[in-house]
Amino acid sequence: MEGNIAEMGQFIGAGIACIGCGGAGIGVGHVAGNFLAGALRNPAAAGEQTATLFIGIAFAEALGIFSFLVALLLMFAV
């Protein structure tokens, strides 16, 4: 009985940790949408802001990868 409750806790914790993966998707969409809105308002400045776009997307995706890593650790290592 104890093992089943502990295993259930691992899976619940992993599911909660994966919420960050969805948050990363929302963050990437937000960054790309704001870049597109700014590029449509001022097309001349869009080329200069492309590096900032990729940095923002990389940070958002890194947080999603970290939350996925935590979920995997909770499922298999704990």
PDB file of N, CA and C in Angstrom:
ATOM      1  N   MET A   1       0.817  -1.199   0.000  1.00  0.00           N
ATOM      2  CA  MET A   1       0.000   0.000   0.000  1.00  0.00           C
ATOM      3  C   MET A   1       0.859   1.260   0.000  1.00  0.00           C
ATOM      4  N   GLU A   2       1.960   1.250   0.763  1.00  0.00           N
ATOM      5  CA  GLU A   2       2.822   2.428   0.822  1.00  0.00           C
ATOM      6  C   GLU A   2       3.466   2.731  -0.524  1.00  0.00           C
ATOM      7  N   GLY A   3       3.880   1.702  -1.233  1.00  0.00           N
ATOM      8  CA  GLY A   3       4.509   1.904  -2.532  1.00  0.00           C
ATOM      9  C   GLY A   3       3.570   2.517  -3.545  1.00  0.00           C
ATOM     10  N   ASN A   4       2.314   2.146  -3.490  1.00  0.00           N
ATOM     11  CA  ASN A   4       1.347   2.689  -4.435  1.00  0.00           C
ATOM     12  C   ASN A   4       1.092   4.167  -4.191  1.00  0.00           C
ATOM     13  N   ILE A   5       1.043   4.559  -2.918  1.00  0.00           N
ATOM     14  CA  ILE A   5       0.816   5.969  -2.601  1.00  0.00           C
ATOM     15  C   ILE A   5       2.036   6.792  -3.012  1.00  0.00           C
ATOM     16  N   ALA A   6       3.218   6.280  -2.785  1.00  0.00           N
ATOM     17  CA  ALA A   6       4.431   7.004  -3.184  1.00  0.00           C
ATOM     18  C   ALA A   6       4.516   7.129  -4.701  1.00  0.00           C
ATOM     19  N   GLU A   7       4.151   6.073  -5.402  1.00  0.00           N
ATOM     20  CA  GLU A   7       4.175   6.123  -6.867  1.00  0.00           C
ATOM     21  C   GLU A   7       3.134   7.108  -7.382  1.00  0.00           C
ATOM     22  N   MET A   8       1.982   7.151  -6.749  1.00  0.00           N
ATOM     23  CA  MET A   8       0.950   8.110  -7.141  1.00  0.00           C
ATOM     24  C   MET A   8       1.456   9.539  -6.939  1.00  0.00           C
ATOM     25  N   GLY A   9       2.165   9.775  -5.835  1.00  0.00           N
ATOM     26  CA  GLY A   9       2.722  11.098  -5.582  1.00  0.00           C
ATOM     27  C   GLY A   9       3.751  11.498  -6.622  1.00  0.00           C
ATOM     28  N   GLN A  10       4.537  10.538  -7.091  1.00  0.00           N
ATOM     29  CA  GLN A  10       5.516  10.838  -8.142  1.00  0.00           C
ATOM     30  C   GLN A  10       4.819  11.275  -9.417  1.00  0.00           C
ATOM     31  N   PHE A  11       3.773  10.571  -9.789  1.00  0.00           N
ATOM     32  CA  PHE A  11       3.081  10.907 -11.035  1.00  0.00           C
ATOM     33  C   PHE A  11       2.324  12.229 -10.924  1.00  0.00           C
ATOM     34  N   ILE A  12       1.743  12.505  -9.773  1.00  0.00           N
ATOM     35  CA  ILE A  12       1.060  13.791  -9.590  1.00  0.00           C
ATOM     36  C   ILE A  12       2.074  14.934  -9.632  1.00  0.00           C
ATOM     37  N   GLY A  13       3.219  14.754  -8.974  1.00  0.00           N
ATOM     38  CA  GLY A  13       4.257  15.780  -9.009  1.00  0.00           C
ATOM     39  C   GLY A  13       4.804  15.998 -10.403  1.00  0.00           C
ATOM     40  N   ALA A  14       4.956  14.918 -11.162  1.00  0.00           N
ATOM     41  CA  ALA A  14       5.446  15.048 -12.546  1.00  0.00           C
ATOM     42  C   ALA A  14       4.422  15.775 -13.407  1.00  0.00           C
ATOM     43  N   GLY A  15       3.153  15.502 -13.199  1.00  0.00           N
ATOM     44  CA  GLY A  15       2.119  16.206 -13.957  1.00  0.00           C
ATOM     45  C   GLY A  15       2.085  17.683 -13.634  1.00  0.00           C
ATOM     46  N   ILE A  16       2.248  18.020 -12.359  1.00  0.00           N
ATOM     47  CA  ILE A  16       2.278  19.431 -11.979  1.00  0.00           C
ATOM     48  C   ILE A  16       3.516  20.110 -12.551  1.00  0.00           C
ATOM     49  N   ALA A  17       4.645  19.419 -12.571  1.00  0.00           N
ATOM     50  CA  ALA A  17       5.872  19.993 -13.119  1.00  0.00           C
ATOM     51  C   ALA A  17       5.744  20.241 -14.618  1.00  0.00           C
ATOM     52  N   CYS A  18       4.943  19.441 -15.312  1.00  0.00           N
ATOM     53  CA  CYS A  18       4.779  19.616 -16.756  1.00  0.00           C
ATOM     54  C   CYS A  18       3.906  20.807 -17.120  1.00  0.00           C
ATOM     55  N   ILE A  19       3.297  21.442 -16.141  1.00  0.00           N
ATOM     56  CA  ILE A  19       2.549  22.663 -16.432  1.00  0.00           C
ATOM     57  C   ILE A  19       3.490  23.715 -17.020  1.00  0.00           C
ATOM     58  N   GLY A  20       4.748  23.678 -16.603  1.00  0.00           N
ATOM     59  CA  GLY A  20       5.747  24.602 -17.147  1.00  0.00           C
ATOM     60  C   GLY A  20       5.972  24.422 -18.632  1.00  0.00           C
ATOM     61  N   CYS A  21       5.765  23.214 -19.149  1.00  0.00           N
ATOM     62  CA  CYS A  21       5.912  22.994 -20.594  1.00  0.00           C
ATOM     63  C   CYS A  21       4.835  23.760 -21.353  1.00  0.00           C
ATOM     64  N   GLY A  22       3.637  23.747 -20.833  1.00  0.00           N
ATOM     65  CA  GLY A  22       2.569  24.529 -21.454  1.00  0.00           C
ATOM     66  C   GLY A  22       2.817  26.016 -21.327  1.00  0.00           C
ATOM     67  N   GLY A  23       3.362  26.424 -20.187  1.00  0.00           N
ATOM     68  CA  GLY A  23       3.709  27.825 -19.994  1.00  0.00           C
ATOM     69  C   GLY A  23       4.782  28.288 -20.964  1.00  0.00           C
ATOM     70  N   ALA A  24       5.701  27.403 -21.297  1.00  0.00           N
ATOM     71  CA  ALA A  24       6.739  27.751 -22.269  1.00  0.00           C
ATOM     72  C   ALA A  24       6.125  27.975 -23.647  1.00  0.00           C
ATOM     73  N   GLY A  25       5.167  27.144 -24.011  1.00  0.00           N
ATOM     74  CA  GLY A  25       4.488  27.334 -25.296  1.00  0.00           C
ATOM     75  C   GLY A  25       3.746  28.654 -25.351  1.00  0.00           C
ATOM     76  N   ILE A  26       3.089  29.002 -24.263  1.00  0.00           N
ATOM     77  CA  ILE A  26       2.392  30.291 -24.201  1.00  0.00           C
ATOM     78  C   ILE A  26       3.397  31.433 -24.283  1.00  0.00           C
ATOM     79  N   GLY A  27       4.539  31.287 -23.594  1.00  0.00           N
ATOM     80  CA  GLY A  27       5.563  32.336 -23.614  1.00  0.00           C
ATOM     81  C   GLY A  27       6.150  32.554 -24.991  1.00  0.00           C
ATOM     82  N   VAL A  28       6.415  31.472 -25.703  1.00  0.00           N
ATOM     83  CA  VAL A  28       6.966  31.594 -27.059  1.00  0.00           C
ATOM     84  C   VAL A  28       5.951  32.271 -27.972  1.00  0.00           C
ATOM     85  N   GLY A  29       4.695  31.906 -27.837  1.00  0.00           N
ATOM     86  CA  GLY A  29       3.659  32.551 -28.648  1.00  0.00           C
ATOM     87  C   GLY A  29       3.534  34.033 -28.340  1.00  0.00           C
ATOM     88  N   HIS A  30       3.671  34.366 -27.078  1.00  0.00           N
ATOM     89  CA  HIS A  30       3.585  35.774 -26.672  1.00  0.00           C
ATOM     90  C   HIS A  30       4.755  36.579 -27.240  1.00  0.00           C
ATOM     91  N   VAL A  31       5.956  36.028 -27.142  1.00  0.00           N
ATOM     92  CA  VAL A  31       7.146  36.714 -27.665  1.00  0.00           C
ATOM     93  C   VAL A  31       7.035  36.895 -29.178  1.00  0.00           C
ATOM     94  N   ALA A  32       6.671  35.836 -29.890  1.00  0.00           N
ATOM     95  CA  ALA A  32       6.580  35.916 -31.351  1.00  0.00           C
ATOM     96  C   ALA A  32       5.446  36.847 -31.780  1.00  0.00           C
ATOM     97  N   GLY A  33       4.343  36.815 -31.076  1.00  0.00           N
ATOM     98  CA  GLY A  33       3.220  37.696 -31.418  1.00  0.00           C
ATOM     99  C   GLY A  33       3.563  39.162 -31.220  1.00  0.00           C
ATOM    100  N   ASN A  34       4.244  39.470 -30.125  1.00  0.00           N
ATOM    101  CA  ASN A  34       4.638  40.862 -29.898  1.00  0.00           C
ATOM    102  C   ASN A  34       5.677  41.324 -30.920  1.00  0.00           C
ATOM    103  N   PHE A  35       6.575  40.427 -31.307  1.00  0.00           N
ATOM    104  CA  PHE A  35       7.543  40.792 -32.343  1.00  0.00           C
ATOM    105  C   PHE A  35       6.824  41.082 -33.656  1.00  0.00           C
ATOM    106  N   LEU A  36       5.875  40.237 -34.001  1.00  0.00           N
ATOM    107  CA  LEU A  36       5.146  40.427 -35.254  1.00  0.00           C
ATOM    108  C   LEU A  36       4.347  41.726 -35.236  1.00  0.00           C
ATOM    109  N   ALA A  37       3.725  42.031 -34.098  1.00  0.00           N
ATOM    110  CA  ALA A  37       2.972  43.282 -33.997  1.00  0.00           C
ATOM    111  C   ALA A  37       3.894  44.483 -34.144  1.00  0.00           C
ATOM    112  N   GLY A  38       5.072  44.423 -33.525  1.00  0.00           N
ATOM    113  CA  GLY A  38       6.027  45.522 -33.654  1.00  0.00           C
ATOM    114  C   GLY A  38       6.599  45.624 -35.058  1.00  0.00           C
ATOM    115  N   ALA A  39       6.835  44.481 -35.698  1.00  0.00           N
ATOM    116  CA  ALA A  39       7.388  44.497 -37.060  1.00  0.00           C
ATOM    117  C   ALA A  39       6.375  45.054 -38.052  1.00  0.00           C
ATOM    118  N   LEU A  40       5.103  44.799 -37.816  1.00  0.00           N
ATOM    119  CA  LEU A  40       4.090  45.343 -38.723  1.00  0.00           C
ATOM    120  C   LEU A  40       3.910  46.845 -38.534  1.00  0.00           C
ATOM    121  N   ARG A  41       4.159  47.339 -37.327  1.00  0.00           N
ATOM    122  CA  ARG A  41       4.058  48.782 -37.094  1.00  0.00           C
ATOM    123  C   ARG A  41       5.253  49.526 -37.667  1.00  0.00           C
ATOM    124  N   ASN A  42       6.443  48.933 -37.543  1.00  0.00           N
ATOM    125  CA  ASN A  42       7.665  49.581 -38.012  1.00  0.00           C
ATOM    126  C   ASN A  42       8.539  48.553 -38.718  1.00  0.00           C
ATOM    127  N   PRO A  43       8.288  48.315 -39.998  1.00  0.00           N
ATOM    128  CA  PRO A  43       9.043  47.284 -40.710  1.00  0.00           C
ATOM    129  C   PRO A  43      10.541  47.572 -40.823  1.00  0.00           C
ATOM    130  N   ALA A  44      10.935  48.822 -40.757  1.00  0.00           N
ATOM    131  CA  ALA A  44      12.349  49.163 -40.890  1.00  0.00           C
ATOM    132  C   ALA A  44      13.152  48.697 -39.679  1.00  0.00           C
ATOM    133  N   ALA A  45      12.531  48.645 -38.516  1.00  0.00           N
ATOM    134  CA  ALA A  45      13.240  48.251 -37.296  1.00  0.00           C
ATOM    135  C   ALA A  45      13.154  46.750 -37.022  1.00  0.00           C
ATOM    136  N   ALA A  46      12.427  46.029 -37.844  1.00  0.00           N
ATOM    137  CA  ALA A  46      12.238  44.591 -37.585  1.00  0.00           C
ATOM    138  C   ALA A  46      13.542  43.812 -37.698  1.00  0.00           C
ATOM    139  N   GLY A  47      14.413  44.197 -38.601  1.00  0.00           N
ATOM    140  CA  GLY A  47      15.677  43.485 -38.776  1.00  0.00           C
ATOM    141  C   GLY A  47      16.578  43.601 -37.569  1.00  0.00           C
ATOM    142  N   GLU A  48      16.524  44.747 -36.890  1.00  0.00           N
ATOM    143  CA  GLU A  48      17.360  44.951 -35.715  1.00  0.00           C
ATOM    144  C   GLU A  48      16.850  44.185 -34.499  1.00  0.00           C
ATOM    145  N   GLN A  49      15.573  43.856 -34.479  1.00  0.00           N
ATOM    146  CA  GLN A  49      14.972  43.203 -33.323  1.00  0.00           C
ATOM    147  C   GLN A  49      14.936  41.681 -33.437  1.00  0.00           C
ATOM    148  N   THR A  50      15.419  41.137 -34.524  1.00  0.00           N
ATOM    149  CA  THR A  50      15.360  39.686 -34.734  1.00  0.00           C
ATOM    150  C   THR A  50      16.207  38.938 -33.702  1.00  0.00           C
ATOM    151  N   ALA A  51      17.358  39.470 -33.353  1.00  0.00           N
ATOM    152  CA  ALA A  51      18.207  38.816 -32.347  1.00  0.00           C
ATOM    153  C   ALA A  51      17.500  38.779 -31.001  1.00  0.00           C
ATOM    154  N   THR A  52      16.811  39.858 -30.648  1.00  0.00           N
ATOM    155  CA  THR A  52      16.055  39.896 -29.396  1.00  0.00           C
ATOM    156  C   THR A  52      14.925  38.878 -29.416  1.00  0.00           C
ATOM    157  N   LEU A  53      14.316  38.683 -30.554  1.00  0.00           N
ATOM    158  CA  LEU A  53      13.257  37.674 -30.703  1.00  0.00           C
ATOM    159  C   LEU A  53      13.802  36.286 -30.391  1.00  0.00           C
ATOM    160  N   PHE A  54      14.929  35.945 -30.971  1.00  0.00           N
ATOM    161  CA  PHE A  54      15.486  34.611 -30.759  1.00  0.00           C
ATOM    162  C   PHE A  54      15.966  34.402 -29.321  1.00  0.00           C
ATOM    163  N   ILE A  55      16.477  35.447 -28.686  1.00  0.00           N
ATOM    164  CA  ILE A  55      16.888  35.339 -27.290  1.00  0.00           C
ATOM    165  C   ILE A  55      15.669  35.107 -26.399  1.00  0.00           C
ATOM    166  N   GLY A  56      14.592  35.820 -26.657  1.00  0.00           N
ATOM    167  CA  GLY A  56      13.366  35.642 -25.885  1.00  0.00           C
ATOM    168  C   GLY A  56      12.781  34.258 -26.057  1.00  0.00           C
ATOM    169  N   ILE A  57      12.781  33.757 -27.268  1.00  0.00           N
ATOM    170  CA  ILE A  57      12.271  32.408 -27.528  1.00  0.00           C
ATOM    171  C   ILE A  57      13.162  31.373 -26.836  1.00  0.00           C
ATOM    172  N   ALA A  58      14.471  31.577 -26.859  1.00  0.00           N
ATOM    173  CA  ALA A  58      15.384  30.626 -26.220  1.00  0.00           C
ATOM    174  C   ALA A  58      15.170  30.575 -24.713  1.00  0.00           C
ATOM    175  N   PHE A  59      14.978  31.730 -24.074  1.00  0.00           N
ATOM    176  CA  PHE A  59      14.735  31.736 -22.632  1.00  0.00           C
ATOM    177  C   PHE A  59      13.421  31.047 -22.290  1.00  0.00           C
ATOM    178  N   ALA A  60      12.378  31.296 -23.075  1.00  0.00           N
ATOM    179  CA  ALA A  60      11.088  30.666 -22.807  1.00  0.00           C
ATOM    180  C   ALA A  60      11.176  29.151 -22.988  1.00  0.00           C
ATOM    181  N   GLU A  61      11.862  28.714 -24.019  1.00  0.00           N
ATOM    182  CA  GLU A  61      12.002  27.273 -24.253  1.00  0.00           C
ATOM    183  C   GLU A  61      12.886  26.619 -23.189  1.00  0.00           C
ATOM    184  N   ALA A  62      13.890  27.336 -22.706  1.00  0.00           N
ATOM    185  CA  ALA A  62      14.754  26.775 -21.668  1.00  0.00           C
ATOM    186  C   ALA A  62      13.956  26.484 -20.404  1.00  0.00           C
ATOM    187  N   LEU A  63      13.037  27.358 -20.049  1.00  0.00           N
ATOM    188  CA  LEU A  63      12.206  27.105 -18.874  1.00  0.00           C
ATOM    189  C   LEU A  63      11.314  25.891 -19.085  1.00  0.00           C
ATOM    190  N   GLY A  64      10.815  25.709 -20.284  1.00  0.00           N
ATOM    191  CA  GLY A  64      10.018  24.519 -20.582  1.00  0.00           C
ATOM    192  C   GLY A  64      10.835  23.251 -20.501  1.00  0.00           C
ATOM    193  N   ILE A  65      12.063  23.297 -20.974  1.00  0.00           N
ATOM    194  CA  ILE A  65      12.940  22.121 -20.914  1.00  0.00           C
ATOM    195  C   ILE A  65      13.291  21.805 -19.466  1.00  0.00           C
ATOM    196  N   PHE A  66      13.524  22.835 -18.651  1.00  0.00           N
ATOM    197  CA  PHE A  66      13.818  22.593 -17.236  1.00  0.00           C
ATOM    198  C   PHE A  66      12.637  21.950 -16.526  1.00  0.00           C
ATOM    199  N   SER A  67      11.423  22.402 -16.812  1.00  0.00           N
ATOM    200  CA  SER A  67      10.255  21.797 -16.165  1.00  0.00           C
ATOM    201  C   SER A  67      10.066  20.359 -16.631  1.00  0.00           C
ATOM    202  N   PHE A  68      10.358  20.082 -17.884  1.00  0.00           N
ATOM    203  CA  PHE A  68      10.271  18.704 -18.381  1.00  0.00           C
ATOM    204  C   PHE A  68      11.309  17.823 -17.699  1.00  0.00           C
ATOM    205  N   LEU A  69      12.511  18.360 -17.482  1.00  0.00           N
ATOM    206  CA  LEU A  69      13.559  17.623 -16.795  1.00  0.00           C
ATOM    207  C   LEU A  69      13.151  17.309 -15.361  1.00  0.00           C
ATOM    208  N   VAL A  70      12.543  18.271 -14.677  1.00  0.00           N
ATOM    209  CA  VAL A  70      12.076  18.037 -13.314  1.00  0.00           C
ATOM    210  C   VAL A  70      11.005  16.952 -13.303  1.00  0.00           C
ATOM    211  N   ALA A  71      10.107  16.975 -14.287  1.00  0.00           N
ATOM    212  CA  ALA A  71       9.073  15.942 -14.361  1.00  0.00           C
ATOM    213  C   ALA A  71       9.686  14.562 -14.560  1.00  0.00           C
ATOM    214  N   LEU A  72      10.680  14.463 -15.428  1.00  0.00           N
ATOM    215  CA  LEU A  72      11.328  13.168 -15.634  1.00  0.00           C
ATOM    216  C   LEU A  72      12.062  12.693 -14.389  1.00  0.00           C
ATOM    217  N   LEU A  73      12.693  13.636 -13.691  1.00  0.00           N
ATOM    218  CA  LEU A  73      13.372  13.261 -12.456  1.00  0.00           C
ATOM    219  C   LEU A  73      12.374  12.773 -11.409  1.00  0.00           C
ATOM    220  N   LEU A  74      11.242  13.423 -11.320  1.00  0.00           N
ATOM    221  CA  LEU A  74      10.234  12.984 -10.363  1.00  0.00           C
ATOM    222  C   LEU A  74       9.667  11.609 -10.702  1.00  0.00           C
ATOM    223  N   MET A  75       9.544  11.326 -11.984  1.00  0.00           N
ATOM    224  CA  MET A  75       8.959  10.047 -12.368  1.00  0.00           C
ATOM    225  C   MET A  75       9.946   8.891 -12.211  1.00  0.00           C
ATOM    226  N   PHE A  76      11.200   9.082 -12.557  1.00  0.00           N
ATOM    227  CA  PHE A  76      12.110   7.957 -12.658  1.00  0.00           C
ATOM    228  C   PHE A  76      13.229   7.940 -11.627  1.00  0.00           C
ATOM    229  N   ALA A  77      13.612   9.076 -11.052  1.00  0.00           N
ATOM    230  CA  ALA A  77      14.756   9.096 -10.163  1.00  0.00           C
ATOM    231  C   ALA A  77      14.391   9.150  -8.683  1.00  0.00           C
ATOM    232  N   VAL A  78      13.205   9.570  -8.370  1.00  0.00           N
ATOM    233  CA  VAL A  78      12.818   9.704  -6.953  1.00  0.00           C
ATOM    234  C   VAL A  78      12.163   8.420  -6.495  1.00  0.00           C
TER     235      VAL A  78
END
